[in-house]
Amino acid sequence: MTKKLKIVVTDGFALSRNDLSWIDFEALGEVCVYDYTAPHELLERAKEADILIVNKTVLTAETIQNLPNLAYIGVTATGYNNVNTQAAAARHIPVCNVAGYGSRAVAQHVFALILALTNQVAVHHEAVQKGEWGAQPHFCIAKTPLIELSGKTLGIYGFSGIGREVAKIGQAFGMNIIVHRRNMSSDTEGGIRYVALDDLLAQSDFLSLNASLSHDNQGLINLENLKKMKPNAFLINTARGGFIVESDLKTALENGIIAGAALDVLSIEPPTEGSILFGVKNCLITPHNAWAAFEARKRLMHLTIENLKAFLTGKPQNVVNGQ
């Protein structure tokens, strides 16, 4: 009798959220799904695994070396910096990620953050509830300056799937789009201009970070670069917290170097002991949920199982470590 594959999902709640099922994986093997796995629980839970499906679970070289049956690592995300891909490659274990599943959802969140900064809907809703509207003779009140997006310059750092979706929405609002990316081009593309990094910083009214984090751009948004931005500019980060030196951003916001920031990511997640940016004026923070729309997670679940099926047929796809 052929042994059934042992499939272990280490932190499944991040993807399933009680409204998606892992049932399709059960046709491929014996499936064990954990909502969350603490580091000290990982080896015990994964010790017999042939297949590991992880989201943010950290797989170190030592862990990979101590899982004798492990043949495949599936990452239910685009980023895979939590997996030691070299250690997996040394054992000929493919690491497969999923890209593009959440581009539209993340781009939508970028503009949710932009509109939160420019229209301040929550601030004005609260003012209405407190009776401030009804307590004055005018037919409207504006607690904050309201900013029209048309004609403003939207700078995009990184221009793959998410960045392109952000550009499309920006153009629909009548914004001017400028882009800085790793592989630069002197050409314009559908009204989009490619610019040097310093020009991106200096010209953007709104700067959206939509690239992958690497050693080259870690800490890109530091005080030196923040000072190159307009004092009325806004920073949006839905990429990775490591792009920003958070103490420098706090300084910039508290001293009017830039007008505001809206972040879906922080350097430490979750921020169990708080963050230096909590309570900072004009700094909005959401809990790394830009990607988590139901439709995006459904696509992610489907593509994760398609990756595993491809591996089981001997044709692995979306392999990030060259196996």
Protein backbone atom coordinates (compact mmCIF):
# COMPACT_ATOMS: atom_id res chain seq x y z
CA MET A 1 0.00 0.00 0.00
CA THR A 2 1.39 3.39 -0.98
CA LYS A 3 2.08 5.70 1.95
CA LYS A 4 -0.04 8.83 1.90
CA LEU A 5 1.82 12.12 1.74
CA LYS A 6 1.92 13.96 5.04
CA ILE A 7 0.97 17.59 4.40
CA VAL A 8 1.42 19.99 7.32
CA VAL A 9 0.09 23.55 7.25
CA THR A 10 1.88 25.44 10.01
CA ASP A 11 -0.01 28.77 10.15
CA GLY A 12 -3.15 28.25 8.14
CA PHE A 13 -5.37 30.84 9.80
CA ALA A 14 -3.54 33.66 8.00
CA LEU A 15 -5.01 32.35 4.75
CA SER A 16 -8.21 30.49 5.63
CA ARG A 17 -9.65 32.91 8.24
CA ASN A 18 -12.58 30.51 8.85
CA ASP A 19 -14.12 31.28 5.46
CA LEU A 20 -11.89 29.14 3.21
CA SER A 21 -11.38 25.39 3.35
CA TRP A 22 -8.29 23.19 2.97
CA ILE A 23 -10.43 20.32 1.68
CA ASP A 24 -8.85 20.24 -1.78
CA PHE A 25 -5.50 19.35 -0.20
CA GLU A 26 -7.06 16.23 1.31
CA ALA A 27 -7.20 14.61 -2.13
CA LEU A 28 -3.39 14.82 -2.23
CA GLY A 29 -2.49 13.38 1.15
CA GLU A 30 -3.03 13.35 4.90
CA VAL A 31 -3.50 16.97 5.88
CA CYS A 32 -2.85 18.51 9.29
CA VAL A 33 -3.69 22.20 9.58
CA TYR A 34 -2.55 24.36 12.48
CA ASP A 35 -3.85 27.90 12.83
CA TYR A 36 -0.51 29.01 14.24
CA THR A 37 2.72 27.28 15.19
CA ALA A 38 5.09 28.75 17.76
CA PRO A 39 8.81 28.26 17.08
CA HIS A 40 9.17 25.70 19.88
CA GLU A 41 6.30 23.65 18.42
CA LEU A 42 7.53 23.50 14.84
CA LEU A 43 9.85 20.48 14.85
CA GLU A 44 7.38 18.28 16.69
CA ARG A 45 4.49 19.20 14.39
CA ALA A 46 6.51 18.95 11.18
CA LYS A 47 8.78 16.01 11.99
CA GLU A 48 6.94 13.58 9.65
CA ALA A 49 5.98 16.11 6.99
CA ASP A 50 6.65 15.41 3.34
CA ILE A 51 5.04 18.72 2.41
CA LEU A 52 5.14 21.94 4.42
CA ILE A 53 2.76 24.80 3.67
CA VAL A 54 3.78 27.98 5.49
CA ASN A 55 2.86 31.63 5.50
CA LYS A 56 5.14 33.45 7.96
CA THR A 57 6.49 30.44 9.86
CA VAL A 58 10.27 30.76 9.96
CA LEU A 59 12.10 27.78 8.44
CA THR A 60 15.76 28.06 9.37
CA ALA A 61 18.57 25.96 7.95
CA GLU A 62 18.64 23.96 11.20
CA THR A 63 14.91 23.28 11.01
CA ILE A 64 15.08 22.16 7.38
CA GLN A 65 18.01 19.87 8.15
CA ASN A 66 16.03 18.24 10.95
CA LEU A 67 12.98 17.33 8.84
CA PRO A 68 14.08 14.07 7.17
CA ASN A 69 10.99 13.50 5.01
CA LEU A 70 10.62 17.05 3.76
CA ALA A 71 10.42 17.24 -0.05
CA TYR A 72 8.52 20.45 -0.76
CA ILE A 73 7.88 23.86 0.83
CA GLY A 74 4.88 25.87 -0.32
CA VAL A 75 4.65 29.51 0.75
CA THR A 76 1.17 31.01 0.89
CA ALA A 77 2.54 34.46 0.10
CA THR A 78 4.68 36.30 -2.40
CA GLY A 79 7.48 37.05 0.06
CA TYR A 80 9.56 34.09 1.22
CA ASN A 81 12.26 35.68 3.37
CA ASN A 82 11.05 33.51 6.28
CA VAL A 83 12.45 30.42 4.51
CA ASN A 84 16.14 29.62 4.24
CA THR A 85 15.98 28.89 0.53
CA GLN A 86 19.66 27.97 0.30
CA ALA A 87 19.31 25.28 2.93
CA ALA A 88 16.28 23.94 1.06
CA ALA A 89 18.18 23.99 -2.23
CA ALA A 90 21.05 22.06 -0.67
CA ARG A 91 18.55 19.24 -0.05
CA HIS A 92 16.91 19.69 -3.47
CA ILE A 93 13.69 20.87 -1.84
CA PRO A 94 11.81 23.34 -4.05
CA VAL A 95 10.37 26.42 -2.37
CA CYS A 96 7.34 27.69 -4.28
CA ASN A 97 5.59 30.99 -3.67
CA VAL A 98 2.50 32.68 -5.11
CA ALA A 99 2.77 36.04 -6.81
CA GLY A 100 0.09 38.32 -8.21
CA TYR A 101 -2.88 36.93 -6.29
CA GLY A 102 -3.46 40.15 -4.34
CA SER A 103 -2.36 42.92 -6.69
CA ARG A 104 -5.82 44.44 -7.06
CA ALA A 105 -6.64 44.09 -3.36
CA VAL A 106 -3.40 45.74 -2.26
CA ALA A 107 -3.76 48.54 -4.81
CA GLN A 108 -7.28 49.14 -3.51
CA HIS A 109 -5.87 49.40 0.02
CA VAL A 110 -3.24 51.89 -1.15
CA PHE A 111 -6.05 54.19 -2.20
CA ALA A 112 -8.07 53.48 0.92
CA LEU A 113 -5.07 54.85 2.81
CA ILE A 114 -4.58 57.78 0.45
CA LEU A 115 -8.25 58.75 0.75
CA ALA A 116 -8.11 58.36 4.52
CA LEU A 117 -5.32 60.94 4.55
CA THR A 118 -6.88 63.35 2.07
CA ASN A 119 -10.60 63.19 2.93
CA GLN A 120 -10.32 62.28 6.63
CA VAL A 121 -13.70 60.52 6.54
CA ALA A 122 -13.30 59.04 10.02
CA VAL A 123 -12.44 62.43 11.55
CA HIS A 124 -15.49 64.06 10.01
CA HIS A 125 -17.78 61.15 10.90
CA GLU A 126 -16.67 61.46 14.52
CA ALA A 127 -17.30 65.22 14.44
CA VAL A 128 -20.85 64.64 13.20
CA GLN A 129 -21.50 62.07 15.92
CA LYS A 130 -20.26 64.51 18.57
CA GLY A 131 -22.72 67.15 17.38
CA GLU A 132 -20.16 69.52 15.91
CA TRP A 133 -22.00 69.79 12.60
CA GLY A 134 -25.29 70.65 14.19
CA ALA A 135 -23.71 73.11 16.64
CA GLN A 136 -22.69 75.71 14.08
CA PRO A 137 -24.66 77.84 11.58
CA HIS A 138 -22.91 76.81 8.39
CA PHE A 139 -24.19 74.00 6.18
CA CYS A 140 -20.84 72.18 6.24
CA ILE A 141 -17.70 71.87 8.32
CA ALA A 142 -14.15 70.88 7.37
CA LYS A 143 -12.07 69.74 10.31
CA THR A 144 -8.99 69.31 8.13
CA PRO A 145 -7.84 70.54 4.73
CA LEU A 146 -9.45 68.40 2.00
CA ILE A 147 -7.18 67.49 -0.89
CA GLU A 148 -8.18 66.72 -4.47
CA LEU A 149 -6.14 63.96 -6.12
CA SER A 150 -6.57 65.09 -9.72
CA GLY A 151 -3.41 66.77 -10.96
CA LYS A 152 -1.28 65.50 -8.07
CA THR A 153 1.83 63.43 -8.69
CA LEU A 154 1.76 59.81 -7.53
CA GLY A 155 5.23 58.29 -7.20
CA ILE A 156 5.49 54.52 -7.23
CA TYR A 157 8.59 52.72 -5.98
CA GLY A 158 8.54 49.30 -7.63
CA PHE A 159 6.50 48.52 -10.71
CA SER A 160 5.45 44.90 -10.91
CA GLY A 161 1.88 43.69 -10.46
CA ILE A 162 0.85 45.83 -7.49
CA GLY A 163 2.63 48.95 -8.70
CA ARG A 164 0.91 48.71 -12.07
CA GLU A 165 -2.50 48.35 -10.46
CA VAL A 166 -1.78 51.38 -8.26
CA ALA A 167 -0.85 53.34 -11.39
CA LYS A 168 -4.12 52.41 -13.11
CA ILE A 169 -6.19 53.66 -10.19
CA GLY A 170 -4.08 56.80 -9.92
CA GLN A 171 -4.65 57.57 -13.58
CA ALA A 172 -8.39 57.09 -13.10
CA PHE A 173 -8.22 59.82 -10.45
CA GLY A 174 -6.40 62.08 -12.91
CA MET A 175 -3.03 61.84 -11.19
CA ASN A 176 0.36 62.15 -12.86
CA ILE A 177 2.30 58.89 -12.45
CA ILE A 178 6.06 58.65 -11.99
CA VAL A 179 7.89 55.41 -11.29
CA HIS A 180 11.26 54.26 -10.03
CA ARG A 181 12.08 50.60 -10.46
CA ARG A 182 15.10 48.32 -10.45
CA ASN A 183 15.18 47.99 -14.24
CA MET A 184 14.80 51.57 -15.36
CA SER A 185 13.66 52.73 -18.78
CA SER A 186 13.93 56.16 -20.39
CA ASP A 187 10.68 55.55 -22.25
CA THR A 188 7.24 56.67 -21.21
CA GLU A 189 4.56 54.01 -20.94
CA GLY A 190 0.94 55.03 -21.22
CA GLY A 191 1.64 58.42 -19.71
CA ILE A 192 3.90 56.98 -16.98
CA ARG A 193 7.36 58.51 -16.56
CA TYR A 194 10.36 56.61 -15.21
CA VAL A 195 12.54 58.75 -12.96
CA ALA A 196 15.64 58.49 -10.78
CA LEU A 197 15.12 57.84 -7.08
CA ASP A 198 15.94 61.40 -6.04
CA ASP A 199 13.42 62.72 -8.56
CA LEU A 200 10.79 60.28 -7.28
CA LEU A 201 11.31 61.58 -3.75
CA ALA A 202 11.35 65.25 -4.75
CA GLN A 203 8.40 65.24 -7.15
CA SER A 204 5.87 62.94 -5.46
CA ASP A 205 2.84 64.36 -3.69
CA PHE A 206 2.08 60.77 -2.72
CA LEU A 207 4.83 58.14 -2.60
CA SER A 208 3.67 54.51 -2.62
CA LEU A 209 6.15 51.74 -1.80
CA ASN A 210 5.30 48.66 -3.85
CA ALA A 211 8.60 46.80 -4.31
CA SER A 212 10.13 43.69 -2.80
CA LEU A 213 12.39 44.26 0.19
CA SER A 214 16.07 43.39 -0.26
CA HIS A 215 19.43 44.18 1.31
CA ASP A 216 19.80 46.98 -1.25
CA ASN A 217 16.68 48.89 -0.22
CA GLN A 218 16.40 48.03 3.49
CA GLY A 219 15.95 51.32 5.35
CA LEU A 220 15.42 53.25 2.11
CA ILE A 221 13.05 55.69 3.79
CA ASN A 222 15.46 57.31 6.24
CA LEU A 223 15.72 60.90 7.43
CA GLU A 224 18.07 61.86 4.60
CA ASN A 225 15.58 60.69 1.95
CA LEU A 226 12.55 62.00 3.82
CA LYS A 227 14.13 65.46 3.71
CA LYS A 228 14.18 65.20 -0.10
CA MET A 229 10.37 64.96 -0.15
CA LYS A 230 7.91 67.84 -0.26
CA PRO A 231 6.67 69.11 3.11
CA ASN A 232 3.10 68.48 1.91
CA ALA A 233 3.86 64.95 0.65
CA PHE A 234 2.35 61.72 1.98
CA LEU A 235 4.10 58.34 2.30
CA ILE A 236 2.18 55.08 1.75
CA ASN A 237 3.71 51.70 2.60
CA THR A 238 1.88 48.46 1.84
CA ALA A 239 5.08 46.55 1.02
CA ARG A 240 7.34 45.68 3.98
CA GLY A 241 8.08 47.50 7.22
CA GLY A 242 11.82 47.16 6.64
CA PHE A 243 11.72 49.87 4.00
CA ILE A 244 11.28 52.52 6.68
CA VAL A 245 13.54 53.64 9.51
CA GLU A 246 10.63 54.18 11.86
CA SER A 247 12.42 56.54 14.26
CA ASP A 248 13.30 58.74 11.27
CA LEU A 249 9.71 58.73 10.03
CA LYS A 250 8.52 59.77 13.49
CA THR A 251 10.98 62.66 13.45
CA ALA A 252 9.83 63.67 9.96
CA LEU A 253 6.15 63.65 10.91
CA GLU A 254 6.62 65.46 14.20
CA ASN A 255 8.71 68.18 12.57
CA GLY A 256 6.66 68.76 9.42
CA ILE A 257 9.26 67.34 7.06
CA ILE A 258 6.41 65.47 5.33
CA ALA A 259 2.68 65.90 5.84
CA GLY A 260 1.64 62.37 6.72
CA ALA A 261 2.07 58.63 6.34
CA ALA A 262 -0.20 55.61 6.07
CA LEU A 263 1.27 52.19 6.72
CA ASP A 264 -0.06 48.66 6.44
CA VAL A 265 3.24 47.16 7.60
CA LEU A 266 5.70 47.69 10.44
CA SER A 267 9.24 46.55 11.15
CA ILE A 268 8.01 44.17 13.86
CA GLU A 269 4.74 42.32 13.32
CA PRO A 270 2.62 41.95 15.28
CA PRO A 271 3.77 44.92 17.41
CA THR A 272 3.05 43.18 20.72
CA GLU A 273 4.96 45.82 22.70
CA GLY A 274 3.68 48.74 20.66
CA SER A 275 5.48 50.77 18.02
CA ILE A 276 7.41 54.01 18.04
CA LEU A 277 4.86 55.24 15.48
CA PHE A 278 1.79 54.64 17.63
CA GLY A 279 0.11 57.94 18.43
CA VAL A 280 2.23 59.97 16.03
CA LYS A 281 0.26 62.78 14.40
CA ASN A 282 -0.83 62.13 10.80
CA CYS A 283 0.36 58.51 10.86
CA LEU A 284 -2.31 55.94 10.02
CA ILE A 285 -1.56 52.26 10.61
CA THR A 286 -3.54 49.23 9.49
CA PRO A 287 -2.70 45.65 10.58
CA HIS A 288 -1.00 44.20 7.46
CA ASN A 289 -4.34 43.32 5.91
CA ALA A 290 -4.08 44.96 2.47
CA TRP A 291 -3.72 41.50 0.90
CA ALA A 292 -6.50 39.83 2.85
CA ALA A 293 -9.65 40.47 0.81
CA PHE A 294 -11.69 37.27 0.51
CA GLU A 295 -11.29 37.20 -3.27
CA ALA A 296 -7.52 37.58 -3.02
CA ARG A 297 -7.21 34.84 -0.41
CA LYS A 298 -9.38 32.54 -2.52
CA ARG A 299 -7.00 33.04 -5.46
CA LEU A 300 -4.07 32.42 -3.14
CA MET A 301 -5.54 29.15 -1.88
CA HIS A 302 -6.19 27.98 -5.45
CA LEU A 303 -2.68 28.88 -6.65
CA THR A 304 -1.06 27.25 -3.62
CA ILE A 305 -2.70 23.92 -4.41
CA GLU A 306 -1.88 24.31 -8.12
CA ASN A 307 1.79 24.75 -7.15
CA LEU A 308 1.66 21.55 -5.10
CA LYS A 309 -0.07 19.60 -7.87
CA ALA A 310 2.59 20.76 -10.34
CA PHE A 311 5.31 19.51 -7.99
CA LEU A 312 3.61 16.14 -7.58
CA THR A 313 3.54 15.70 -11.36
CA GLY A 314 7.27 16.39 -11.53
CA LYS A 315 6.92 19.87 -12.99
CA PRO A 316 7.27 22.31 -10.09
CA GLN A 317 6.28 25.91 -10.82
CA ASN A 318 6.93 29.27 -9.17
CA VAL A 319 10.13 27.88 -7.68
CA VAL A 320 12.17 30.61 -5.96
CA ASN A 321 15.29 28.62 -5.10
CA GLY A 322 16.25 27.08 -8.43
CA GLN A 323 15.15 23.48 -7.77
